[in-house]
Amino acid sequence: MENIGNNPENGNGNHSNGSGKPAWMSDPLVKEIPAKKLQFLEELFAQGQGKSQKEMMAYLMPAMKRAKKENLTFTPQEVSAAIAAIKKYSSEEELKKIDKILEKSRQGGK
């Protein structure tokens, strides 16, 4: 039986890759991101599942404050790599949500 979490074509970023963590966390794109940062992103991604765009934006603000409190800062390269990896393992519906949220964040949340 194949492990569907390793297949980027299956469209589900939530399935694990056999190690108990989402498949995107083992993608070569994020291999340079420290484990603590990946864990934070994994929690953010998991808790954001099923939220509407508005709910997600409201959730992101306290999450970013928490990251700052824990001295977790992300370089633009780390953010780009993480987003690319997450998108690689996401369904069409998830991709649409991600794109909408990214567009809102570029507009300053307007």
N, C-alpha and C. Protein backbone atom coordinates (compact mmCIF):
# COMPACT_ATOMS: atom_id res chain seq x y z
N MET A 1 0.85 -1.19 0.00
CA MET A 1 0.00 0.00 0.00
C MET A 1 0.88 1.23 0.00
N GLU A 2 0.60 2.18 -0.89
CA GLU A 2 1.44 3.37 -0.97
C GLU A 2 1.07 4.35 0.14
N ASN A 3 2.04 5.11 0.57
CA ASN A 3 1.82 6.13 1.58
C ASN A 3 1.38 7.40 0.88
N ILE A 4 0.10 7.73 0.97
CA ILE A 4 -0.42 8.87 0.22
C ILE A 4 0.16 10.19 0.67
N GLY A 5 0.68 10.27 1.86
CA GLY A 5 1.27 11.51 2.35
C GLY A 5 2.52 11.91 1.62
N ASN A 6 3.17 10.99 0.94
CA ASN A 6 4.39 11.32 0.20
C ASN A 6 4.09 11.75 -1.22
N ASN A 7 2.86 11.70 -1.63
CA ASN A 7 2.51 11.99 -3.01
C ASN A 7 1.96 13.41 -3.12
N PRO A 8 2.74 14.34 -3.70
CA PRO A 8 2.25 15.70 -3.80
C PRO A 8 1.01 15.81 -4.67
N GLU A 9 0.76 14.83 -5.51
CA GLU A 9 -0.39 14.87 -6.39
C GLU A 9 -1.70 14.54 -5.66
N ASN A 10 -1.60 13.99 -4.43
CA ASN A 10 -2.83 13.59 -3.75
C ASN A 10 -3.59 14.77 -3.19
N GLY A 11 -2.92 15.93 -3.08
CA GLY A 11 -3.62 17.13 -2.68
C GLY A 11 -4.03 17.17 -1.24
N ASN A 12 -3.28 16.59 -0.33
CA ASN A 12 -3.66 16.73 1.06
C ASN A 12 -2.42 16.99 1.90
N GLY A 13 -2.25 18.21 2.31
CA GLY A 13 -1.10 18.61 3.09
C GLY A 13 -1.15 18.12 4.52
N ASN A 14 -2.28 17.54 4.94
CA ASN A 14 -2.40 17.08 6.31
C ASN A 14 -1.87 15.68 6.54
N HIS A 15 -1.81 14.86 5.51
CA HIS A 15 -1.36 13.49 5.71
C HIS A 15 0.10 13.45 6.08
N SER A 16 0.43 12.54 6.96
CA SER A 16 1.82 12.44 7.38
C SER A 16 2.61 11.64 6.37
N ASN A 17 3.90 11.74 6.50
CA ASN A 17 4.80 11.03 5.60
C ASN A 17 5.30 9.75 6.24
N GLY A 18 4.64 9.29 7.28
CA GLY A 18 5.07 8.09 7.97
C GLY A 18 5.80 8.39 9.26
N SER A 19 6.25 9.64 9.41
CA SER A 19 6.97 10.01 10.62
C SER A 19 6.08 10.76 11.61
N GLY A 20 4.79 10.89 11.28
CA GLY A 20 3.86 11.56 12.18
C GLY A 20 3.72 13.04 11.91
N LYS A 21 4.50 13.59 11.00
CA LYS A 21 4.37 15.00 10.69
C LYS A 21 3.88 15.15 9.25
N PRO A 22 3.28 16.30 8.94
CA PRO A 22 2.77 16.50 7.57
C PRO A 22 3.88 16.34 6.54
N ALA A 23 3.50 15.86 5.37
CA ALA A 23 4.47 15.60 4.30
C ALA A 23 5.27 16.83 3.92
N TRP A 24 4.64 18.01 3.93
CA TRP A 24 5.36 19.21 3.51
C TRP A 24 6.54 19.53 4.42
N MET A 25 6.50 19.07 5.68
CA MET A 25 7.58 19.36 6.62
C MET A 25 8.86 18.58 6.29
N SER A 26 8.74 17.55 5.47
CA SER A 26 9.92 16.77 5.06
C SER A 26 10.36 17.10 3.65
N ASP A 27 9.70 18.06 3.03
CA ASP A 27 10.03 18.42 1.66
C ASP A 27 11.41 19.09 1.63
N PRO A 28 12.20 18.81 0.59
CA PRO A 28 13.52 19.44 0.46
C PRO A 28 13.48 20.97 0.49
N LEU A 29 12.35 21.56 0.11
CA LEU A 29 12.23 23.02 0.11
C LEU A 29 12.43 23.62 1.50
N VAL A 30 12.06 22.86 2.54
CA VAL A 30 12.13 23.41 3.91
C VAL A 30 13.25 22.82 4.75
N LYS A 31 14.16 22.08 4.12
CA LYS A 31 15.19 21.39 4.89
C LYS A 31 16.13 22.33 5.64
N GLU A 32 16.25 23.58 5.19
CA GLU A 32 17.15 24.53 5.85
C GLU A 32 16.45 25.31 6.97
N ILE A 33 15.15 25.15 7.12
CA ILE A 33 14.41 25.87 8.16
C ILE A 33 14.55 25.11 9.47
N PRO A 34 14.95 25.80 10.56
CA PRO A 34 15.11 25.12 11.86
C PRO A 34 13.82 24.43 12.33
N ALA A 35 14.00 23.34 13.04
CA ALA A 35 12.87 22.51 13.51
C ALA A 35 11.86 23.31 14.32
N LYS A 36 12.32 24.21 15.17
CA LYS A 36 11.41 25.00 16.01
C LYS A 36 10.49 25.86 15.14
N LYS A 37 11.03 26.42 14.09
CA LYS A 37 10.23 27.23 13.18
C LYS A 37 9.24 26.36 12.41
N LEU A 38 9.69 25.19 11.97
CA LEU A 38 8.78 24.28 11.26
C LEU A 38 7.64 23.83 12.16
N GLN A 39 7.94 23.58 13.42
CA GLN A 39 6.90 23.17 14.37
C GLN A 39 5.86 24.27 14.53
N PHE A 40 6.32 25.51 14.63
CA PHE A 40 5.40 26.65 14.73
C PHE A 40 4.51 26.71 13.49
N LEU A 41 5.11 26.57 12.31
CA LEU A 41 4.35 26.62 11.07
C LEU A 41 3.36 25.47 10.97
N GLU A 42 3.78 24.30 11.43
CA GLU A 42 2.90 23.13 11.41
C GLU A 42 1.68 23.37 12.28
N GLU A 43 1.89 23.94 13.48
CA GLU A 43 0.76 24.26 14.36
C GLU A 43 -0.15 25.30 13.72
N LEU A 44 0.45 26.30 13.12
CA LEU A 44 -0.30 27.36 12.45
C LEU A 44 -1.16 26.77 11.34
N PHE A 45 -0.54 25.92 10.52
CA PHE A 45 -1.24 25.29 9.40
C PHE A 45 -2.37 24.39 9.91
N ALA A 46 -2.08 23.57 10.91
CA ALA A 46 -3.08 22.63 11.43
C ALA A 46 -4.27 23.36 12.04
N GLN A 47 -3.99 24.39 12.82
CA GLN A 47 -5.08 25.12 13.48
C GLN A 47 -5.86 26.00 12.51
N GLY A 48 -5.27 26.29 11.37
CA GLY A 48 -5.96 27.09 10.37
C GLY A 48 -6.88 26.29 9.47
N GLN A 49 -6.78 24.98 9.52
CA GLN A 49 -7.61 24.12 8.68
C GLN A 49 -9.09 24.34 8.97
N GLY A 50 -9.87 24.52 7.92
CA GLY A 50 -11.31 24.65 8.05
C GLY A 50 -11.78 26.05 8.41
N LYS A 51 -10.87 26.96 8.66
CA LYS A 51 -11.27 28.33 8.99
C LYS A 51 -11.56 29.11 7.70
N SER A 52 -12.50 30.03 7.81
CA SER A 52 -12.77 30.91 6.68
C SER A 52 -11.62 31.90 6.56
N GLN A 53 -11.61 32.61 5.47
CA GLN A 53 -10.55 33.60 5.25
C GLN A 53 -10.55 34.63 6.38
N LYS A 54 -11.72 35.10 6.77
CA LYS A 54 -11.83 36.10 7.83
C LYS A 54 -11.35 35.52 9.16
N GLU A 55 -11.77 34.29 9.47
CA GLU A 55 -11.34 33.64 10.71
C GLU A 55 -9.83 33.44 10.72
N MET A 56 -9.29 33.09 9.56
CA MET A 56 -7.85 32.84 9.47
C MET A 56 -7.06 34.12 9.70
N MET A 57 -7.51 35.22 9.13
CA MET A 57 -6.81 36.49 9.34
C MET A 57 -6.86 36.88 10.82
N ALA A 58 -8.00 36.66 11.47
CA ALA A 58 -8.12 36.97 12.90
C ALA A 58 -7.22 36.06 13.73
N TYR A 59 -7.04 34.83 13.30
CA TYR A 59 -6.19 33.87 14.00
C TYR A 59 -4.71 34.20 13.82
N LEU A 60 -4.34 34.70 12.65
CA LEU A 60 -2.94 34.95 12.34
C LEU A 60 -2.32 36.04 13.20
N MET A 61 -3.08 37.06 13.54
CA MET A 61 -2.51 38.17 14.31
C MET A 61 -1.97 37.71 15.67
N PRO A 62 -2.77 37.01 16.49
CA PRO A 62 -2.21 36.53 17.77
C PRO A 62 -1.09 35.52 17.56
N ALA A 63 -1.16 34.72 16.50
CA ALA A 63 -0.11 33.74 16.23
C ALA A 63 1.21 34.45 15.93
N MET A 64 1.14 35.55 15.20
CA MET A 64 2.36 36.29 14.88
C MET A 64 2.92 36.96 16.14
N LYS A 65 2.04 37.41 17.02
CA LYS A 65 2.50 37.98 18.30
C LYS A 65 3.20 36.92 19.13
N ARG A 66 2.63 35.71 19.12
CA ARG A 66 3.25 34.60 19.85
C ARG A 66 4.64 34.28 19.29
N ALA A 67 4.75 34.29 17.97
CA ALA A 67 6.04 34.02 17.34
C ALA A 67 7.06 35.07 17.78
N LYS A 68 6.64 36.32 17.79
CA LYS A 68 7.54 37.40 18.20
C LYS A 68 7.97 37.22 19.65
N LYS A 69 7.02 36.85 20.51
CA LYS A 69 7.30 36.62 21.94
C LYS A 69 8.32 35.49 22.11
N GLU A 70 8.23 34.48 21.25
CA GLU A 70 9.14 33.32 21.32
C GLU A 70 10.41 33.55 20.50
N ASN A 71 10.60 34.80 20.04
CA ASN A 71 11.76 35.15 19.23
C ASN A 71 11.89 34.32 17.96
N LEU A 72 10.75 34.00 17.37
CA LEU A 72 10.74 33.27 16.10
C LEU A 72 10.54 34.28 14.98
N THR A 73 11.58 34.51 14.23
CA THR A 73 11.48 35.38 13.07
C THR A 73 11.79 34.56 11.83
N PHE A 74 11.12 34.91 10.76
CA PHE A 74 11.27 34.17 9.51
C PHE A 74 11.84 35.09 8.44
N THR A 75 12.84 34.62 7.75
CA THR A 75 13.38 35.39 6.64
C THR A 75 12.41 35.28 5.47
N PRO A 76 12.47 36.20 4.52
CA PRO A 76 11.60 36.09 3.35
C PRO A 76 11.81 34.75 2.61
N GLN A 77 13.05 34.27 2.61
CA GLN A 77 13.34 32.99 1.95
C GLN A 77 12.66 31.83 2.68
N GLU A 78 12.66 31.87 4.01
CA GLU A 78 12.00 30.81 4.79
C GLU A 78 10.50 30.82 4.55
N VAL A 79 9.92 32.01 4.53
CA VAL A 79 8.48 32.12 4.28
C VAL A 79 8.14 31.59 2.90
N SER A 80 8.90 31.99 1.90
CA SER A 80 8.64 31.53 0.53
C SER A 80 8.78 30.02 0.41
N ALA A 81 9.82 29.47 1.03
CA ALA A 81 10.05 28.02 0.97
C ALA A 81 8.91 27.26 1.65
N ALA A 82 8.49 27.74 2.83
CA ALA A 82 7.41 27.06 3.56
C ALA A 82 6.11 27.12 2.78
N ILE A 83 5.79 28.28 2.22
CA ILE A 83 4.55 28.41 1.44
C ILE A 83 4.60 27.50 0.22
N ALA A 84 5.73 27.47 -0.45
CA ALA A 84 5.86 26.60 -1.63
C ALA A 84 5.69 25.13 -1.26
N ALA A 85 6.28 24.72 -0.14
CA ALA A 85 6.16 23.32 0.29
C ALA A 85 4.72 22.99 0.67
N ILE A 86 4.08 23.88 1.42
CA ILE A 86 2.68 23.64 1.83
C ILE A 86 1.79 23.57 0.60
N LYS A 87 1.98 24.48 -0.35
CA LYS A 87 1.16 24.48 -1.56
C LYS A 87 1.35 23.20 -2.37
N LYS A 88 2.55 22.68 -2.38
CA LYS A 88 2.87 21.47 -3.13
C LYS A 88 2.01 20.29 -2.67
N TYR A 89 1.63 20.27 -1.41
CA TYR A 89 0.88 19.15 -0.83
C TYR A 89 -0.57 19.52 -0.52
N SER A 90 -1.06 20.62 -1.08
CA SER A 90 -2.42 21.09 -0.78
C SER A 90 -3.41 20.75 -1.89
N SER A 91 -4.66 20.65 -1.50
CA SER A 91 -5.74 20.41 -2.46
C SER A 91 -6.05 21.72 -3.19
N GLU A 92 -6.85 21.63 -4.23
CA GLU A 92 -7.25 22.82 -4.97
C GLU A 92 -7.96 23.82 -4.05
N GLU A 93 -8.84 23.32 -3.19
CA GLU A 93 -9.57 24.19 -2.26
C GLU A 93 -8.59 24.89 -1.30
N GLU A 94 -7.64 24.13 -0.79
CA GLU A 94 -6.64 24.71 0.12
C GLU A 94 -5.80 25.75 -0.61
N LEU A 95 -5.44 25.47 -1.85
CA LEU A 95 -4.64 26.41 -2.64
C LEU A 95 -5.38 27.74 -2.82
N LYS A 96 -6.68 27.66 -3.07
CA LYS A 96 -7.47 28.89 -3.24
C LYS A 96 -7.46 29.70 -1.95
N LYS A 97 -7.63 29.03 -0.82
CA LYS A 97 -7.62 29.73 0.48
C LYS A 97 -6.25 30.36 0.74
N ILE A 98 -5.20 29.61 0.48
CA ILE A 98 -3.84 30.12 0.68
C ILE A 98 -3.62 31.36 -0.17
N ASP A 99 -4.00 31.29 -1.44
CA ASP A 99 -3.81 32.42 -2.34
C ASP A 99 -4.59 33.65 -1.88
N LYS A 100 -5.82 33.44 -1.39
CA LYS A 100 -6.62 34.56 -0.90
C LYS A 100 -5.98 35.19 0.33
N ILE A 101 -5.52 34.37 1.23
CA ILE A 101 -4.88 34.88 2.45
C ILE A 101 -3.59 35.63 2.10
N LEU A 102 -2.80 35.08 1.19
CA LEU A 102 -1.57 35.75 0.78
C LEU A 102 -1.87 37.08 0.11
N GLU A 103 -2.90 37.11 -0.70
CA GLU A 103 -3.29 38.36 -1.36
C GLU A 103 -3.71 39.40 -0.32
N LYS A 104 -4.49 38.98 0.66
CA LYS A 104 -4.92 39.90 1.74
C LYS A 104 -3.71 40.42 2.50
N SER A 105 -2.75 39.54 2.79
CA SER A 105 -1.58 39.96 3.56
C SER A 105 -0.73 40.95 2.75
N ARG A 106 -0.69 40.79 1.44
CA ARG A 106 0.06 41.74 0.59
C ARG A 106 -0.63 43.10 0.56
N GLN A 107 -1.95 43.08 0.75
CA GLN A 107 -2.72 44.32 0.75
C GLN A 107 -2.78 44.94 2.14
N GLY A 108 -2.10 44.34 3.08
CA GLY A 108 -2.10 44.87 4.44
C GLY A 108 -3.36 44.54 5.21
N GLY A 109 -4.03 43.43 4.84
CA GLY A 109 -5.23 43.00 5.56
C GLY A 109 -6.47 43.79 5.24
N LYS A 110 -6.46 44.59 4.19
CA LYS A 110 -7.61 45.42 3.82
C LYS A 110 -8.72 44.59 3.23
